[in-house]
Amino acid sequence: MAISDWPLSERPREKLLRRGAQSLSDAELLAIFLRTGVAGKSAVDLARELIAEFGSLRALVAADQQHFCRAKGLGQAKFAQLQAVLEMGRRHLNEELQRLDCFTSPAQTMAFLRRHLRDRQREVFALMLLDNQHQLLHYDELFEGTLDAAAVYPREVVKLALQHNAAAVILAHNHPSGIAEPSLADQQITERLKNALALVDIRVLDHLVVGEGRPVSFAERGLL
C-alpha cells in the first residue's frame, strides 16, 4: 500500500508536522528523506530494509559513497543530498557553539566534536581556536590520515593559531576503531603541541579523543 493511502495520522510527513521530528522512528525519518519507495515497496518499507541492511540508521548515514550508492533505492543524487544535510547540521552546531563559553561547557564541546568526528572513516586531527573568553573563533580539521593514524605537525598548528589570534586551543582527534583510549603517541604529540604553543603564549585547554560513547578528555585524566 502506498503511503498516500495510509491514514493521515500514520503518514511520516504529516506526523512530523503535527508532533515534531522527535516523534518519528528511524525508518519514518529516513522515508521522508527518501521521498519515494521502489516497485512494490513504500518509502517506509524501503527505509526499514535499508536500516536492516546497514545495521542502523547511523551506519547508513556514515557509509562511504561506494557502499551507500550500491544499496537499492539510493544512488549518487541521494548521497549528495545526504552530505548536504549533514553539513548543514554541522554548521548549525558550529554556530550554536560560537554563542557558548566552550571551556565551561565541556558537554556541549564534546557533543560538537562527536558530531564532527565520531563517524569518520579515517583518523582526523582537529583544532578548536578560542579567544581569551574561551569563545570559539575557528574550527579546523587540520590533518587527515590513514585508518588508524594522522601525522600532526606542530608548526602548522602554531601557524593556524597565530593566524586567528587565538588565546587558547582545544585539540581533538578521532579513533575510527571506536576505542577512545589515548595512546602513548597521542600523549607525546599533545606534549609537543603544548610546548610549541606555549612559546607563543597560547594555552592548550584540553585534548579530546572521540570514539564510541563519551570522548576521553586529557584534562580530566590529568594528562595535560
Protein backbone atom coordinates (compact mmCIF):
# COMPACT_ATOMS: atom_id res chain seq x y z
CA MET A 1 0.00 0.00 0.00
CA ALA A 2 1.33 3.44 -0.93
CA ILE A 3 1.88 5.92 1.90
CA SER A 4 -0.68 8.23 0.25
CA ASP A 5 -3.29 5.55 1.04
CA TRP A 6 -2.40 5.48 4.74
CA PRO A 7 -4.50 7.34 7.34
CA LEU A 8 -3.21 10.90 7.72
CA SER A 9 -2.17 10.27 11.34
CA GLU A 10 0.22 7.50 10.23
CA ARG A 11 1.95 9.25 7.32
CA PRO A 12 5.51 10.22 8.32
CA ARG A 13 5.44 13.75 6.87
CA GLU A 14 2.10 14.67 8.42
CA LYS A 15 3.14 13.05 11.70
CA LEU A 16 6.30 15.15 11.75
CA LEU A 17 4.38 18.36 11.11
CA ARG A 18 1.86 17.63 13.86
CA ARG A 19 4.05 16.05 16.54
CA GLY A 20 7.63 17.06 15.68
CA ALA A 21 10.56 15.12 14.21
CA GLN A 22 11.38 13.52 17.57
CA SER A 23 8.12 11.52 17.38
CA LEU A 24 9.22 9.60 14.27
CA SER A 25 11.02 6.27 14.17
CA ASP A 26 14.34 5.91 12.35
CA ALA A 27 12.55 4.32 9.40
CA GLU A 28 10.00 7.14 9.21
CA LEU A 29 12.71 9.81 9.27
CA LEU A 30 14.60 8.00 6.52
CA ALA A 31 11.40 7.59 4.50
CA ILE A 32 10.91 11.37 4.46
CA PHE A 33 14.47 11.74 3.19
CA LEU A 34 13.93 9.05 0.50
CA ARG A 35 10.57 10.60 -0.54
CA THR A 36 9.62 7.57 -2.69
CA GLY A 37 9.90 3.82 -2.46
CA VAL A 38 10.58 1.27 -5.17
CA ALA A 39 8.29 -1.11 -7.05
CA GLY A 40 6.18 -2.99 -4.52
CA LYS A 41 7.57 -1.12 -1.50
CA SER A 42 6.60 2.12 0.15
CA ALA A 43 9.29 4.58 1.27
CA VAL A 44 8.86 3.33 4.85
CA ASP A 45 9.25 -0.32 3.78
CA LEU A 46 12.37 0.59 1.82
CA ALA A 47 13.70 2.58 4.76
CA ARG A 48 13.25 -0.41 7.10
CA GLU A 49 15.10 -2.66 4.66
CA LEU A 50 17.97 -0.19 4.29
CA ILE A 51 18.37 0.21 8.05
CA ALA A 52 18.43 -3.57 8.43
CA GLU A 53 20.97 -3.88 5.60
CA PHE A 54 23.35 -1.29 7.06
CA GLY A 55 22.74 -2.33 10.67
CA SER A 56 21.47 1.03 11.93
CA LEU A 57 20.46 4.48 10.75
CA ARG A 58 23.76 5.85 12.00
CA ALA A 59 25.73 3.28 9.96
CA LEU A 60 23.76 4.19 6.84
CA VAL A 61 24.40 7.90 7.36
CA ALA A 62 28.12 7.27 7.96
CA ALA A 63 28.57 4.94 4.96
CA ASP A 64 31.06 5.89 2.28
CA GLN A 65 29.87 6.79 -1.20
CA GLN A 66 30.56 3.40 -2.76
CA HIS A 67 28.71 1.41 -0.10
CA PHE A 68 25.83 3.89 0.05
CA CYS A 69 25.25 4.01 -3.69
CA ARG A 70 25.18 0.21 -4.06
CA ALA A 71 22.02 -0.04 -1.94
CA LYS A 72 18.61 -0.31 -3.62
CA GLY A 73 16.76 2.99 -3.80
CA LEU A 74 19.84 5.09 -3.19
CA GLY A 75 22.47 6.47 -5.56
CA GLN A 76 24.74 9.43 -6.17
CA ALA A 77 21.96 12.04 -6.04
CA LYS A 78 20.77 10.74 -2.65
CA PHE A 79 24.35 10.58 -1.40
CA ALA A 80 24.95 14.22 -2.39
CA GLN A 81 21.66 15.24 -0.77
CA LEU A 82 22.58 13.42 2.45
CA GLN A 83 26.04 15.02 2.60
CA ALA A 84 24.45 18.45 2.19
CA VAL A 85 22.03 17.75 5.06
CA LEU A 86 24.85 16.52 7.30
CA GLU A 87 26.98 19.55 6.53
CA MET A 88 24.08 21.87 7.34
CA GLY A 89 23.78 20.12 10.69
CA ARG A 90 27.50 20.53 11.37
CA ARG A 91 27.39 24.23 10.50
CA HIS A 92 24.33 24.74 12.68
CA LEU A 93 26.16 23.19 15.64
CA ASN A 94 29.19 25.32 14.87
CA GLU A 95 27.09 28.49 15.03
CA GLU A 96 25.46 27.33 18.26
CA LEU A 97 28.85 26.66 19.83
CA GLN A 98 30.10 30.11 18.87
CA ARG A 99 27.48 31.54 21.23
CA LEU A 100 28.65 29.42 24.17
CA ASP A 101 31.57 29.51 26.56
CA CYS A 102 33.29 26.35 25.32
CA PHE A 103 35.58 25.72 28.27
CA THR A 104 32.84 26.00 30.89
CA SER A 105 30.51 23.86 28.77
CA PRO A 106 32.51 20.64 28.18
CA ALA A 107 29.37 18.64 27.41
CA GLN A 108 28.49 20.97 24.51
CA THR A 109 32.06 20.89 23.26
CA MET A 110 32.08 17.08 23.36
CA ALA A 111 28.75 16.93 21.52
CA PHE A 112 30.11 19.27 18.84
CA LEU A 113 33.27 17.19 18.36
CA ARG A 114 31.40 13.89 18.34
CA ARG A 115 29.13 15.26 15.62
CA HIS A 116 32.13 16.25 13.52
CA LEU A 117 34.49 13.34 14.15
CA ARG A 118 32.78 10.23 15.50
CA ASP A 119 31.77 8.60 12.21
CA ARG A 120 34.82 9.48 10.15
CA GLN A 121 36.39 6.53 8.35
CA ARG A 122 39.95 7.85 8.81
CA GLU A 123 41.72 9.49 11.70
CA VAL A 124 41.31 13.27 11.67
CA PHE A 125 43.12 15.80 13.86
CA ALA A 126 41.09 18.94 14.57
CA LEU A 127 41.69 22.21 16.31
CA MET A 128 39.26 24.49 18.13
CA LEU A 129 40.72 28.01 18.34
CA LEU A 130 39.42 30.15 21.20
CA ASP A 131 39.66 33.80 22.22
CA ASN A 132 40.60 34.95 25.71
CA GLN A 133 36.97 34.47 26.82
CA HIS A 134 37.14 30.90 25.54
CA GLN A 135 34.64 31.56 22.78
CA LEU A 136 35.15 29.67 19.53
CA LEU A 137 36.98 31.68 16.86
CA HIS A 138 37.51 28.91 14.33
CA TYR A 139 37.29 25.14 13.93
CA ASP A 140 39.67 23.41 11.55
CA GLU A 141 40.26 19.78 10.62
CA LEU A 142 43.94 20.27 10.06
CA PHE A 143 45.25 16.77 9.32
CA GLU A 144 43.70 13.57 7.95
CA GLY A 145 45.46 10.24 7.94
CA THR A 146 45.00 6.53 7.43
CA LEU A 147 42.55 4.25 9.19
CA ASP A 148 44.48 4.50 12.45
CA ALA A 149 46.90 7.43 12.29
CA ALA A 150 47.18 11.06 11.25
CA ALA A 151 50.51 12.89 11.04
CA VAL A 152 50.40 16.10 13.09
CA TYR A 153 52.86 18.95 12.52
CA PRO A 154 53.24 21.42 15.44
CA ARG A 155 54.45 24.17 13.13
CA GLU A 156 51.17 24.11 11.18
CA VAL A 157 49.16 24.13 14.40
CA VAL A 158 51.05 27.17 15.71
CA LYS A 159 50.73 28.92 12.35
CA LEU A 160 46.93 28.47 12.29
CA ALA A 161 46.55 29.57 15.92
CA LEU A 162 48.51 32.76 15.28
CA GLN A 163 46.59 33.43 12.06
CA HIS A 164 43.33 33.54 14.03
CA ASN A 165 44.86 35.36 17.01
CA ALA A 166 43.84 32.55 19.35
CA ALA A 167 44.46 32.78 23.07
CA ALA A 168 43.80 29.09 23.71
CA VAL A 169 43.09 25.88 21.83
CA ILE A 170 41.28 22.60 22.31
CA LEU A 171 42.84 19.71 20.40
CA ALA A 172 40.78 16.79 19.18
CA HIS A 173 41.10 13.68 17.10
CA ASN A 174 39.05 10.56 16.45
CA HIS A 175 39.81 6.87 16.72
CA PRO A 176 37.95 5.12 13.85
CA SER A 177 38.17 1.86 15.81
CA GLY A 178 35.70 3.38 18.27
CA ILE A 179 38.06 2.92 21.23
CA ALA A 180 38.77 6.40 22.57
CA GLU A 181 41.57 5.43 24.95
CA PRO A 182 44.59 7.76 24.33
CA SER A 183 47.71 6.04 23.03
CA LEU A 184 51.29 6.82 24.03
CA ALA A 185 51.69 8.56 20.65
CA ASP A 186 48.63 10.71 21.45
CA GLN A 187 50.21 11.77 24.73
CA GLN A 188 53.55 12.52 23.10
CA ILE A 189 52.14 14.73 20.33
CA THR A 190 49.97 16.53 22.90
CA GLU A 191 53.07 17.39 24.91
CA ARG A 192 54.88 18.59 21.78
CA LEU A 193 51.94 20.79 20.78
CA LYS A 194 51.55 22.15 24.30
CA ASN A 195 55.24 23.14 24.39
CA ALA A 196 55.18 24.65 20.89
CA LEU A 197 52.09 26.73 21.60
CA ALA A 198 53.42 27.87 24.98
CA LEU A 199 56.29 29.59 23.14
CA VAL A 200 53.73 32.00 21.63
CA ASP A 201 51.62 32.26 24.81
CA ILE A 202 48.74 30.06 23.62
CA ARG A 203 47.32 27.59 26.12
CA VAL A 204 46.14 24.08 25.38
CA LEU A 205 42.95 23.68 27.41
CA ASP A 206 42.23 20.08 26.51
CA HIS A 207 42.76 17.27 24.04
CA LEU A 208 39.65 15.18 23.36
CA VAL A 209 39.75 11.73 21.79
CA VAL A 210 36.50 10.85 20.02
CA GLY A 211 35.29 7.28 19.67
CA GLU A 212 32.15 5.47 20.75
CA GLY A 213 30.43 6.91 23.78
CA ARG A 214 31.75 9.88 25.70
CA PRO A 215 35.01 11.38 24.37
CA VAL A 216 38.08 10.99 26.58
CA SER A 217 39.42 14.27 27.97
CA PHE A 218 43.14 14.69 28.61
CA ALA A 219 42.34 17.46 31.10
CA GLU A 220 40.03 15.18 33.10
CA ARG A 221 42.64 12.41 33.05
CA GLY A 222 45.36 14.79 34.28
CA LEU A 223 47.39 14.25 31.11
CA LEU A 224 47.97 17.93 30.30
